Amino acid sequence: MTPIEEVLKKLKSRARPDQLEGMARFGMTPDKRWGVSVPDMRKIAKETGKDHSLALELWKTGIQEARMVAGMIGDPIQLTEKQMEEWVKDFNSWDVCDQVCMNLFDKSQLAWKKVYDWSRREEEFVKRAAYSLIACLAWHDKKTGDKEFLKFLPVIKQGCTDERNFVKKAVNWALRGIGKRNPSLNRQAIKTAKEIQKLDSKAARWIANDAIRELESPAVRKRLEK
């Protein structure tokens, strides 16, 4: 059995077709989806180990869960800009977009460039990927200083009037992610949210109100004080 056949067999064995209807209600594209849970995908990825060539093969299957596993086993060092562009054009579900961004794309040095590139694009999931990347970098990148994250705030403001659900939720996630890094960025994120709040856009007001509610919450303040 080839490595790709082995991974697909493991995924198939954990398939839950009865879950597909519920997943669709949460906006997960049902096409070419088997209903495998994320914890099961992570387990399969851990058993498989990093294998960039296999990741490329899995991506080509078009199966949603295979693509998420591809993101988990891909090697960020071998990741090229060409591959990122090819994969991002294939995104058609928010969970695939976010899993690939958080497991592979945000670990590449190219991630910062792609935020600026993709935030200017009009395709819904390409644009979502830009803001998902901001959120993932804010979460995972412990070394980069505040200055680089402050540069993302105008990008967030630029995207906040997009009324499309999957874009506005990612913009909100990005703003909250930056605001939860440290007290200084928290203040700047809240300031940006209050500027966004004044824009004549239903999406912008939702993004701002939700971000302010979380970033000013006692739970976030308490964690940042530590």
C-alpha atoms as a PDB file:
ATOM      1  CA  MET A   1       0.000   0.000   0.000  1.00  0.00           C
ATOM      2  CA  THR A   2       1.398   3.416  -0.980  1.00  0.00           C
ATOM      3  CA  PRO A   3       1.611   6.212   1.628  1.00  0.00           C
ATOM      4  CA  ILE A   4      -1.284   8.116   0.054  1.00  0.00           C
ATOM      5  CA  GLU A   5      -3.448   4.980  -0.031  1.00  0.00           C
ATOM      6  CA  GLU A   6      -2.650   4.375   3.633  1.00  0.00           C
ATOM      7  CA  VAL A   7      -3.659   7.911   4.688  1.00  0.00           C
ATOM      8  CA  LEU A   8      -6.867   7.801   2.642  1.00  0.00           C
ATOM      9  CA  LYS A   9      -7.716   4.392   4.120  1.00  0.00           C
ATOM     10  CA  LYS A  10      -7.272   5.785   7.651  1.00  0.00           C
ATOM     11  CA  LEU A  11      -9.428   8.791   6.828  1.00  0.00           C
ATOM     12  CA  LYS A  12     -12.112   6.601   5.284  1.00  0.00           C
ATOM     13  CA  SER A  13     -12.175   4.379   8.373  1.00  0.00           C
ATOM     14  CA  ARG A  14     -12.950   7.436  10.512  1.00  0.00           C
ATOM     15  CA  ALA A  15     -15.555   8.854   8.142  1.00  0.00           C
ATOM     16  CA  ARG A  16     -18.830   9.983   9.696  1.00  0.00           C
ATOM     17  CA  PRO A  17     -21.296  10.634   6.853  1.00  0.00           C
ATOM     18  CA  ASP A  18     -23.992  11.294   9.465  1.00  0.00           C
ATOM     19  CA  GLN A  19     -22.069  14.431  10.470  1.00  0.00           C
ATOM     20  CA  LEU A  20     -22.084  16.021   7.011  1.00  0.00           C
ATOM     21  CA  GLU A  21     -25.467  17.698   7.335  1.00  0.00           C
ATOM     22  CA  GLY A  22     -24.474  19.340  10.609  1.00  0.00           C
ATOM     23  CA  MET A  23     -21.127  20.436   9.172  1.00  0.00           C
ATOM     24  CA  ALA A  24     -22.902  22.050   6.223  1.00  0.00           C
ATOM     25  CA  ARG A  25     -25.048  24.048   8.656  1.00  0.00           C
ATOM     26  CA  PHE A  26     -21.833  25.460  10.104  1.00  0.00           C
ATOM     27  CA  GLY A  27     -20.681  26.564   6.663  1.00  0.00           C
ATOM     28  CA  MET A  28     -18.321  23.673   5.930  1.00  0.00           C
ATOM     29  CA  THR A  29     -18.561  22.843   2.247  1.00  0.00           C
ATOM     30  CA  PRO A  30     -19.989  19.285   1.982  1.00  0.00           C
ATOM     31  CA  ASP A  31     -18.489  18.554  -1.461  1.00  0.00           C
ATOM     32  CA  LYS A  32     -15.801  15.845  -1.329  1.00  0.00           C
ATOM     33  CA  ARG A  33     -16.036  15.664   2.458  1.00  0.00           C
ATOM     34  CA  TRP A  34     -16.144  12.455   4.508  1.00  0.00           C
ATOM     35  CA  GLY A  35     -17.061  13.796   7.930  1.00  0.00           C
ATOM     36  CA  VAL A  36     -13.757  13.101   9.714  1.00  0.00           C
ATOM     37  CA  SER A  37     -13.172  15.074  12.933  1.00  0.00           C
ATOM     38  CA  VAL A  38     -10.177  17.391  13.360  1.00  0.00           C
ATOM     39  CA  PRO A  39      -8.785  15.350  16.310  1.00  0.00           C
ATOM     40  CA  ASP A  40      -8.844  12.243  14.095  1.00  0.00           C
ATOM     41  CA  MET A  41      -7.095  14.127  11.308  1.00  0.00           C
ATOM     42  CA  ARG A  42      -4.444  15.313  13.753  1.00  0.00           C
ATOM     43  CA  LYS A  43      -3.898  11.759  14.948  1.00  0.00           C
ATOM     44  CA  ILE A  44      -3.443  10.531  11.376  1.00  0.00           C
ATOM     45  CA  ALA A  45      -1.054  13.396  10.637  1.00  0.00           C
ATOM     46  CA  LYS A  46       1.003  12.583  13.738  1.00  0.00           C
ATOM     47  CA  GLU A  47       1.208   8.915  12.751  1.00  0.00           C
ATOM     48  CA  THR A  48       2.264   9.916   9.219  1.00  0.00           C
ATOM     49  CA  GLY A  49       4.882  12.501  10.153  1.00  0.00           C
ATOM     50  CA  LYS A  50       6.141  15.383   8.038  1.00  0.00           C
ATOM     51  CA  ASP A  51       6.162  14.464   4.369  1.00  0.00           C
ATOM     52  CA  HIS A  52       5.914  17.328   1.908  1.00  0.00           C
ATOM     53  CA  SER A  53       5.681  15.158  -1.202  1.00  0.00           C
ATOM     54  CA  LEU A  54       2.795  13.222   0.342  1.00  0.00           C
ATOM     55  CA  ALA A  55       1.140  16.507   1.301  1.00  0.00           C
ATOM     56  CA  LEU A  56       1.201  17.575  -2.349  1.00  0.00           C
ATOM     57  CA  GLU A  57      -0.386  14.277  -3.387  1.00  0.00           C
ATOM     58  CA  LEU A  58      -3.092  14.513  -0.744  1.00  0.00           C
ATOM     59  CA  TRP A  59      -3.957  18.031  -1.846  1.00  0.00           C
ATOM     60  CA  LYS A  60      -4.547  16.874  -5.412  1.00  0.00           C
ATOM     61  CA  THR A  61      -7.284  14.468  -4.279  1.00  0.00           C
ATOM     62  CA  GLY A  62      -9.594  17.413  -3.593  1.00  0.00           C
ATOM     63  CA  ILE A  63     -10.963  15.637  -0.496  1.00  0.00           C
ATOM     64  CA  GLN A  64     -11.477  18.221   2.238  1.00  0.00           C
ATOM     65  CA  GLU A  65     -10.044  16.092   5.046  1.00  0.00           C
ATOM     66  CA  ALA A  66      -7.100  14.979   2.916  1.00  0.00           C
ATOM     67  CA  ARG A  67      -6.306  18.624   2.275  1.00  0.00           C
ATOM     68  CA  MET A  68      -6.388  19.450   5.976  1.00  0.00           C
ATOM     69  CA  VAL A  69      -4.038  16.533   6.705  1.00  0.00           C
ATOM     70  CA  ALA A  70      -1.823  17.839   3.877  1.00  0.00           C
ATOM     71  CA  GLY A  71      -1.525  21.115   5.768  1.00  0.00           C
ATOM     72  CA  MET A  72      -0.616  19.237   8.932  1.00  0.00           C
ATOM     73  CA  ILE A  73       2.171  17.146   7.366  1.00  0.00           C
ATOM     74  CA  GLY A  74       3.538  19.738   4.931  1.00  0.00           C
ATOM     75  CA  ASP A  75       7.018  21.153   5.542  1.00  0.00           C
ATOM     76  CA  PRO A  76       7.073  24.981   5.812  1.00  0.00           C
ATOM     77  CA  ILE A  77      10.738  25.009   4.761  1.00  0.00           C
ATOM     78  CA  GLN A  78       9.843  23.338   1.449  1.00  0.00           C
ATOM     79  CA  LEU A  79       6.739  25.493   1.001  1.00  0.00           C
ATOM     80  CA  THR A  80       7.074  27.794  -2.016  1.00  0.00           C
ATOM     81  CA  GLU A  81       5.149  30.901  -2.972  1.00  0.00           C
ATOM     82  CA  LYS A  82       3.898  29.068  -6.070  1.00  0.00           C
ATOM     83  CA  GLN A  83       2.458  26.276  -3.914  1.00  0.00           C
ATOM     84  CA  MET A  84       0.793  28.764  -1.563  1.00  0.00           C
ATOM     85  CA  GLU A  85      -0.831  30.487  -4.518  1.00  0.00           C
ATOM     86  CA  GLU A  86      -2.023  27.177  -5.981  1.00  0.00           C
ATOM     87  CA  TRP A  87      -3.474  25.976  -2.688  1.00  0.00           C
ATOM     88  CA  VAL A  88      -5.142  29.239  -1.718  1.00  0.00           C
ATOM     89  CA  LYS A  89      -7.041  29.285  -5.020  1.00  0.00           C
ATOM     90  CA  ASP A  90      -8.442  25.841  -4.128  1.00  0.00           C
ATOM     91  CA  PHE A  91      -9.860  26.946  -0.741  1.00  0.00           C
ATOM     92  CA  ASN A  92     -13.640  26.596  -0.797  1.00  0.00           C
ATOM     93  CA  SER A  93     -14.400  26.013   2.888  1.00  0.00           C
ATOM     94  CA  TRP A  94     -13.457  28.077   5.939  1.00  0.00           C
ATOM     95  CA  ASP A  95     -12.181  25.117   7.952  1.00  0.00           C
ATOM     96  CA  VAL A  96      -9.734  24.002   5.246  1.00  0.00           C
ATOM     97  CA  CYS A  97      -8.554  27.598   4.890  1.00  0.00           C
ATOM     98  CA  ASP A  98      -7.989  28.030   8.626  1.00  0.00           C
ATOM     99  CA  GLN A  99      -6.404  24.631   9.244  1.00  0.00           C
ATOM    100  CA  VAL A 100      -3.893  25.094   6.418  1.00  0.00           C
ATOM    101  CA  CYS A 101      -3.107  28.636   7.582  1.00  0.00           C
ATOM    102  CA  MET A 102      -2.540  27.583  11.199  1.00  0.00           C
ATOM    103  CA  ASN A 103      -0.691  24.334  10.547  1.00  0.00           C
ATOM    104  CA  LEU A 104       1.499  25.227   7.565  1.00  0.00           C
ATOM    105  CA  PHE A 105       1.262  28.689   6.010  1.00  0.00           C
ATOM    106  CA  ASP A 106       1.875  30.693   9.193  1.00  0.00           C
ATOM    107  CA  LYS A 107       5.109  28.758   9.821  1.00  0.00           C
ATOM    108  CA  SER A 108       6.604  29.984   6.543  1.00  0.00           C
ATOM    109  CA  GLN A 109       8.657  33.165   6.165  1.00  0.00           C
ATOM    110  CA  LEU A 110       6.342  33.899   3.233  1.00  0.00           C
ATOM    111  CA  ALA A 111       3.313  34.284   5.505  1.00  0.00           C
ATOM    112  CA  TRP A 112       3.870  37.995   6.161  1.00  0.00           C
ATOM    113  CA  LYS A 113       4.093  38.792   2.434  1.00  0.00           C
ATOM    114  CA  LYS A 114       0.991  36.748   1.662  1.00  0.00           C
ATOM    115  CA  VAL A 115      -1.078  38.704   4.199  1.00  0.00           C
ATOM    116  CA  TYR A 116      -0.518  41.883   2.200  1.00  0.00           C
ATOM    117  CA  ASP A 117      -0.930  40.147  -1.175  1.00  0.00           C
ATOM    118  CA  TRP A 118      -4.131  38.285  -0.337  1.00  0.00           C
ATOM    119  CA  SER A 119      -5.835  41.078   1.617  1.00  0.00           C
ATOM    120  CA  ARG A 120      -6.022  42.991  -1.681  1.00  0.00           C
ATOM    121  CA  ARG A 121      -7.620  40.093  -3.547  1.00  0.00           C
ATOM    122  CA  GLU A 122     -11.367  39.762  -4.085  1.00  0.00           C
ATOM    123  CA  GLU A 123     -11.860  35.970  -3.962  1.00  0.00           C
ATOM    124  CA  GLU A 124     -13.699  35.224  -0.716  1.00  0.00           C
ATOM    125  CA  PHE A 125     -11.460  32.474   0.659  1.00  0.00           C
ATOM    126  CA  VAL A 126      -8.240  34.063  -0.586  1.00  0.00           C
ATOM    127  CA  LYS A 127      -9.162  37.196   1.328  1.00  0.00           C
ATOM    128  CA  ARG A 128     -10.182  35.130   4.344  1.00  0.00           C
ATOM    129  CA  ALA A 129      -6.765  33.443   4.230  1.00  0.00           C
ATOM    130  CA  ALA A 130      -5.049  36.836   4.617  1.00  0.00           C
ATOM    131  CA  TYR A 131      -6.898  37.585   7.841  1.00  0.00           C
ATOM    132  CA  SER A 132      -6.719  34.006   9.127  1.00  0.00           C
ATOM    133  CA  LEU A 133      -2.958  34.290   8.703  1.00  0.00           C
ATOM    134  CA  ILE A 134      -2.875  37.478  10.785  1.00  0.00           C
ATOM    135  CA  ALA A 135      -4.815  35.715  13.544  1.00  0.00           C
ATOM    136  CA  CYS A 136      -2.562  32.645  13.398  1.00  0.00           C
ATOM    137  CA  LEU A 137       0.633  34.705  13.409  1.00  0.00           C
ATOM    138  CA  ALA A 138      -0.648  36.683  16.393  1.00  0.00           C
ATOM    139  CA  TRP A 139      -1.329  33.387  18.161  1.00  0.00           C
ATOM    140  CA  HIS A 140       1.780  31.383  17.222  1.00  0.00           C
ATOM    141  CA  ASP A 141       4.603  33.823  16.465  1.00  0.00           C
ATOM    142  CA  LYS A 142       6.165  34.571  19.855  1.00  0.00           C
ATOM    143  CA  LYS A 143       9.318  36.237  18.516  1.00  0.00           C
ATOM    144  CA  THR A 144       8.119  39.060  16.274  1.00  0.00           C
ATOM    145  CA  GLY A 145       7.818  42.460  17.928  1.00  0.00           C
ATOM    146  CA  ASP A 146       4.818  44.754  18.196  1.00  0.00           C
ATOM    147  CA  LYS A 147       5.953  46.954  15.308  1.00  0.00           C
ATOM    148  CA  GLU A 148       5.196  44.305  12.689  1.00  0.00           C
ATOM    149  CA  PHE A 149       1.775  43.526  14.155  1.00  0.00           C
ATOM    150  CA  LEU A 150       0.891  47.230  14.286  1.00  0.00           C
ATOM    151  CA  LYS A 151       1.383  47.288  10.497  1.00  0.00           C
ATOM    152  CA  PHE A 152      -1.505  44.829  10.219  1.00  0.00           C
ATOM    153  CA  LEU A 153      -4.030  47.210  11.823  1.00  0.00           C
ATOM    154  CA  PRO A 154      -4.496  49.331   8.657  1.00  0.00           C
ATOM    155  CA  VAL A 155      -4.913  46.072   6.698  1.00  0.00           C
ATOM    156  CA  ILE A 156      -7.645  45.040   9.118  1.00  0.00           C
ATOM    157  CA  LYS A 157      -9.328  48.429   8.783  1.00  0.00           C
ATOM    158  CA  GLN A 158      -9.145  48.064   5.006  1.00  0.00           C
ATOM    159  CA  GLY A 159     -10.980  44.719   5.100  1.00  0.00           C
ATOM    160  CA  CYS A 160     -13.618  45.518   7.698  1.00  0.00           C
ATOM    161  CA  THR A 161     -16.319  46.703   5.284  1.00  0.00           C
ATOM    162  CA  ASP A 162     -16.454  43.388   3.413  1.00  0.00           C
ATOM    163  CA  GLU A 163     -19.956  42.081   4.166  1.00  0.00           C
ATOM    164  CA  ARG A 164     -19.203  38.468   3.236  1.00  0.00           C
ATOM    165  CA  ASN A 165     -19.585  36.291   6.313  1.00  0.00           C
ATOM    166  CA  PHE A 166     -16.391  34.271   5.966  1.00  0.00           C
ATOM    167  CA  VAL A 167     -14.320  37.399   5.379  1.00  0.00           C
ATOM    168  CA  LYS A 168     -15.754  39.559   8.159  1.00  0.00           C
ATOM    169  CA  LYS A 169     -15.369  36.748  10.715  1.00  0.00           C
ATOM    170  CA  ALA A 170     -11.698  36.364   9.793  1.00  0.00           C
ATOM    171  CA  VAL A 171     -11.134  40.133   9.987  1.00  0.00           C
ATOM    172  CA  ASN A 172     -12.675  40.073  13.465  1.00  0.00           C
ATOM    173  CA  TRP A 173     -10.492  37.097  14.447  1.00  0.00           C
ATOM    174  CA  ALA A 174      -7.385  38.943  13.242  1.00  0.00           C
ATOM    175  CA  LEU A 175      -8.210  42.069  15.260  1.00  0.00           C
ATOM    176  CA  ARG A 176      -8.935  40.068  18.408  1.00  0.00           C
ATOM    177  CA  GLY A 177      -5.779  38.013  17.927  1.00  0.00           C
ATOM    178  CA  ILE A 178      -3.543  41.083  17.822  1.00  0.00           C
ATOM    179  CA  GLY A 179      -5.343  42.584  20.818  1.00  0.00           C
ATOM    180  CA  LYS A 180      -4.674  39.521  22.927  1.00  0.00           C
ATOM    181  CA  ARG A 181      -0.885  39.454  22.453  1.00  0.00           C
ATOM    182  CA  ASN A 182       0.040  41.990  25.132  1.00  0.00           C
ATOM    183  CA  PRO A 183      -1.296  45.117  26.905  1.00  0.00           C
ATOM    184  CA  SER A 184       0.219  47.543  24.392  1.00  0.00           C
ATOM    185  CA  LEU A 185      -1.274  45.814  21.360  1.00  0.00           C
ATOM    186  CA  ASN A 186      -4.533  45.413  23.276  1.00  0.00           C
ATOM    187  CA  ARG A 187      -4.799  49.210  23.568  1.00  0.00           C
ATOM    188  CA  GLN A 188      -3.959  49.720  19.898  1.00  0.00           C
ATOM    189  CA  ALA A 189      -6.423  47.055  18.752  1.00  0.00           C
ATOM    190  CA  ILE A 190      -9.212  48.615  20.827  1.00  0.00           C
ATOM    191  CA  LYS A 191      -8.347  52.036  19.408  1.00  0.00           C
ATOM    192  CA  THR A 192      -8.568  50.603  15.878  1.00  0.00           C
ATOM    193  CA  ALA A 193     -11.865  48.881  16.724  1.00  0.00           C
ATOM    194  CA  LYS A 194     -13.333  52.196  17.893  1.00  0.00           C
ATOM    195  CA  GLU A 195     -12.285  53.798  14.606  1.00  0.00           C
ATOM    196  CA  ILE A 196     -13.884  50.922  12.689  1.00  0.00           C
ATOM    197  CA  GLN A 197     -17.032  51.289  14.801  1.00  0.00           C
ATOM    198  CA  LYS A 198     -17.661  54.709  13.253  1.00  0.00           C
ATOM    199  CA  LEU A 199     -17.657  53.464   9.652  1.00  0.00           C
ATOM    200  CA  ASP A 200     -20.929  53.320   7.741  1.00  0.00           C
ATOM    201  CA  SER A 201     -20.910  49.550   7.377  1.00  0.00           C
ATOM    202  CA  LYS A 202     -22.900  46.838   9.111  1.00  0.00           C
ATOM    203  CA  ALA A 203     -19.931  44.435   8.851  1.00  0.00           C
ATOM    204  CA  ALA A 204     -17.539  47.015  10.319  1.00  0.00           C
ATOM    205  CA  ARG A 205     -19.805  47.710  13.278  1.00  0.00           C
ATOM    206  CA  TRP A 206     -20.200  43.991  14.008  1.00  0.00           C
ATOM    207  CA  ILE A 207     -16.430  43.417  13.791  1.00  0.00           C
ATOM    208  CA  ALA A 208     -15.707  46.374  16.066  1.00  0.00           C
ATOM    209  CA  ASN A 209     -18.398  45.691  18.665  1.00  0.00           C
ATOM    210  CA  ASP A 210     -17.484  42.023  18.982  1.00  0.00           C
ATOM    211  CA  ALA A 211     -13.746  42.769  19.212  1.00  0.00           C
ATOM    212  CA  ILE A 212     -14.207  45.503  21.830  1.00  0.00           C
ATOM    213  CA  ARG A 213     -16.441  43.251  23.918  1.00  0.00           C
ATOM    214  CA  GLU A 214     -13.746  40.562  24.090  1.00  0.00           C
ATOM    215  CA  LEU A 215     -10.669  42.785  24.288  1.00  0.00           C
ATOM    216  CA  GLU A 216     -12.123  44.827  27.154  1.00  0.00           C
ATOM    217  CA  SER A 217     -13.452  41.748  28.974  1.00  0.00           C
ATOM    218  CA  PRO A 218     -12.212  40.955  32.505  1.00  0.00           C
ATOM    219  CA  ALA A 219     -10.926  37.565  31.324  1.00  0.00           C
ATOM    220  CA  VAL A 220      -8.651  39.068  28.656  1.00  0.00           C
ATOM    221  CA  ARG A 221      -7.519  41.907  30.941  1.00  0.00           C
ATOM    222  CA  LYS A 222      -6.657  39.446  33.685  1.00  0.00           C
ATOM    223  CA  ARG A 223      -4.625  37.249  31.328  1.00  0.00           C
ATOM    224  CA  LEU A 224      -2.730  40.222  29.904  1.00  0.00           C
ATOM    225  CA  GLU A 225      -1.873  41.502  33.377  1.00  0.00           C
ATOM    226  CA  LYS A 226      -0.049  38.242  34.036  1.00  0.00           C
END
